[in-house]
Amino acid sequence: MKNEGNRECPIFGKSIDDGLCYDCKMVFGRYIKKEAVSELAGVPNLEIAKEVCDKCQYSQS
């Protein structure tokens, strides 16, 4: 069963929960440090990831 709080993330290439999505947006907006979101350690280029995140349908909500 699909969790209502899950969403497909183009950065991670898989379904993530809305909490991780929000945390990533907080990192990209420079509200929290990237080290606070351990999942971002595997993302090679955070600037490109930010651009992708900004264009994602879930960033608009």
N, C-alpha and C. Protein backbone atom coordinates (compact mmCIF):
# COMPACT_ATOMS: atom_id res chain seq x y z
N MET A 1 0.83 -1.18 0.00
CA MET A 1 0.00 0.00 0.00
C MET A 1 0.88 1.25 0.00
N LYS A 2 0.50 2.23 -0.76
CA LYS A 2 1.26 3.46 -0.85
C LYS A 2 0.88 4.38 0.30
N ASN A 3 1.88 4.90 0.99
CA ASN A 3 1.66 5.81 2.10
C ASN A 3 1.26 7.18 1.56
N GLU A 4 0.23 7.78 2.15
CA GLU A 4 -0.26 9.09 1.70
C GLU A 4 0.82 10.17 1.79
N GLY A 5 1.76 10.05 2.73
CA GLY A 5 2.79 11.06 2.91
C GLY A 5 4.01 10.85 2.03
N ASN A 6 3.99 9.82 1.20
CA ASN A 6 5.13 9.55 0.33
C ASN A 6 4.98 10.27 -1.00
N ARG A 7 6.12 10.60 -1.57
CA ARG A 7 6.14 11.25 -2.88
C ARG A 7 7.38 10.81 -3.64
N GLU A 8 7.25 10.77 -4.96
CA GLU A 8 8.38 10.41 -5.81
C GLU A 8 9.35 11.58 -5.86
N CYS A 9 10.60 11.32 -5.51
CA CYS A 9 11.60 12.38 -5.48
C CYS A 9 12.57 12.22 -6.64
N PRO A 10 12.67 13.24 -7.51
CA PRO A 10 13.60 13.15 -8.63
C PRO A 10 15.07 13.22 -8.20
N ILE A 11 15.33 13.73 -7.04
CA ILE A 11 16.72 13.80 -6.55
C ILE A 11 17.20 12.42 -6.12
N PHE A 12 16.37 11.71 -5.36
CA PHE A 12 16.75 10.40 -4.86
C PHE A 12 16.36 9.27 -5.80
N GLY A 13 15.48 9.57 -6.76
CA GLY A 13 15.05 8.54 -7.70
C GLY A 13 14.22 7.45 -7.07
N LYS A 14 13.49 7.82 -6.01
CA LYS A 14 12.64 6.85 -5.32
C LYS A 14 11.60 7.60 -4.51
N SER A 15 10.71 6.85 -3.92
CA SER A 15 9.67 7.43 -3.08
C SER A 15 10.27 7.79 -1.71
N ILE A 16 10.00 9.01 -1.26
CA ILE A 16 10.46 9.45 0.06
C ILE A 16 9.26 9.97 0.83
N ASP A 17 9.38 10.04 2.16
CA ASP A 17 8.26 10.59 2.92
C ASP A 17 8.31 12.11 2.91
N ASP A 18 7.19 12.70 3.22
CA ASP A 18 7.09 14.15 3.12
C ASP A 18 8.00 14.88 4.12
N GLY A 19 8.38 14.21 5.20
CA GLY A 19 9.31 14.81 6.15
C GLY A 19 10.69 15.01 5.55
N LEU A 20 11.18 14.01 4.83
CA LEU A 20 12.48 14.12 4.18
C LEU A 20 12.42 15.17 3.07
N CYS A 21 11.33 15.21 2.36
CA CYS A 21 11.14 16.22 1.32
C CYS A 21 11.23 17.62 1.93
N TYR A 22 10.54 17.82 3.01
CA TYR A 22 10.56 19.12 3.70
C TYR A 22 11.97 19.46 4.19
N ASP A 23 12.64 18.47 4.79
CA ASP A 23 14.00 18.71 5.28
C ASP A 23 14.95 19.11 4.15
N CYS A 24 14.82 18.47 3.02
CA CYS A 24 15.66 18.82 1.87
C CYS A 24 15.39 20.25 1.43
N LYS A 25 14.11 20.63 1.40
CA LYS A 25 13.77 22.00 1.03
C LYS A 25 14.36 23.00 2.03
N MET A 26 14.41 22.63 3.29
CA MET A 26 14.99 23.50 4.32
C MET A 26 16.50 23.65 4.12
N VAL A 27 17.16 22.56 3.71
CA VAL A 27 18.59 22.63 3.41
C VAL A 27 18.82 23.53 2.20
N PHE A 28 18.06 23.31 1.14
CA PHE A 28 18.24 24.08 -0.08
C PHE A 28 17.91 25.56 0.12
N GLY A 29 17.02 25.85 1.06
CA GLY A 29 16.70 27.24 1.39
C GLY A 29 17.66 27.83 2.41
N ARG A 30 18.61 27.01 2.84
CA ARG A 30 19.64 27.41 3.82
C ARG A 30 19.08 27.77 5.19
N TYR A 31 17.99 27.06 5.56
CA TYR A 31 17.43 27.23 6.89
C TYR A 31 18.09 26.27 7.89
N ILE A 32 18.54 25.12 7.37
CA ILE A 32 19.27 24.16 8.20
C ILE A 32 20.51 23.70 7.44
N LYS A 33 21.47 23.16 8.18
CA LYS A 33 22.72 22.70 7.57
C LYS A 33 22.51 21.38 6.85
N LYS A 34 23.24 21.17 5.77
CA LYS A 34 23.11 19.93 5.00
C LYS A 34 23.46 18.71 5.83
N GLU A 35 24.31 18.87 6.82
CA GLU A 35 24.69 17.76 7.68
C GLU A 35 23.51 17.26 8.53
N ALA A 36 22.48 18.07 8.67
CA ALA A 36 21.30 17.68 9.43
C ALA A 36 20.45 16.64 8.70
N VAL A 37 20.69 16.50 7.39
CA VAL A 37 19.92 15.54 6.58
C VAL A 37 20.91 14.54 5.99
N SER A 38 21.10 13.45 6.71
CA SER A 38 22.13 12.46 6.33
C SER A 38 21.90 11.89 4.94
N GLU A 39 20.67 11.82 4.49
CA GLU A 39 20.37 11.28 3.17
C GLU A 39 21.00 12.09 2.05
N LEU A 40 21.25 13.36 2.29
CA LEU A 40 21.86 14.21 1.26
C LEU A 40 23.35 13.95 1.08
N ALA A 41 23.96 13.20 1.97
CA ALA A 41 25.39 12.89 1.85
C ALA A 41 25.69 12.14 0.55
N GLY A 42 24.73 11.38 0.05
CA GLY A 42 24.93 10.61 -1.18
C GLY A 42 24.62 11.38 -2.45
N VAL A 43 24.21 12.63 -2.31
CA VAL A 43 23.89 13.45 -3.48
C VAL A 43 25.16 14.19 -3.90
N PRO A 44 25.67 13.92 -5.11
CA PRO A 44 26.97 14.45 -5.51
C PRO A 44 27.02 15.97 -5.69
N ASN A 45 25.94 16.59 -6.17
CA ASN A 45 25.97 18.02 -6.44
C ASN A 45 24.69 18.66 -5.88
N LEU A 46 24.83 19.33 -4.75
CA LEU A 46 23.66 19.91 -4.10
C LEU A 46 23.09 21.11 -4.85
N GLU A 47 23.90 21.80 -5.62
CA GLU A 47 23.38 22.93 -6.41
C GLU A 47 22.43 22.43 -7.49
N ILE A 48 22.81 21.36 -8.16
CA ILE A 48 21.92 20.77 -9.18
C ILE A 48 20.69 20.19 -8.50
N ALA A 49 20.89 19.54 -7.36
CA ALA A 49 19.76 18.97 -6.62
C ALA A 49 18.77 20.07 -6.23
N LYS A 50 19.27 21.22 -5.83
CA LYS A 50 18.40 22.35 -5.48
C LYS A 50 17.57 22.79 -6.68
N GLU A 51 18.20 22.87 -7.84
CA GLU A 51 17.49 23.26 -9.06
C GLU A 51 16.39 22.26 -9.38
N VAL A 52 16.71 20.98 -9.23
CA VAL A 52 15.72 19.93 -9.49
C VAL A 52 14.58 20.04 -8.49
N CYS A 53 14.93 20.25 -7.23
CA CYS A 53 13.93 20.37 -6.17
C CYS A 53 13.01 21.57 -6.44
N ASP A 54 13.58 22.67 -6.83
CA ASP A 54 12.80 23.88 -7.08
C ASP A 54 11.77 23.69 -8.19
N LYS A 55 12.05 22.79 -9.13
CA LYS A 55 11.14 22.53 -10.25
C LYS A 55 10.14 21.41 -9.96
N CYS A 56 10.34 20.72 -8.87
CA CYS A 56 9.49 19.58 -8.52
C CYS A 56 8.08 20.05 -8.15
N GLN A 57 7.09 19.27 -8.51
CA GLN A 57 5.71 19.63 -8.22
C GLN A 57 5.46 19.77 -6.72
N TYR A 58 6.21 19.05 -5.89
CA TYR A 58 5.98 19.10 -4.44
C TYR A 58 6.60 20.34 -3.81
N SER A 59 7.49 21.00 -4.49
CA SER A 59 8.05 22.25 -3.98
C SER A 59 7.04 23.38 -4.12
N GLN A 60 6.06 23.18 -4.95
CA GLN A 60 5.05 24.21 -5.17
C GLN A 60 3.95 24.15 -4.12
N SER A 61 3.89 23.05 -3.38
CA SER A 61 2.81 22.89 -2.39
C SER A 61 3.21 23.32 -1.02
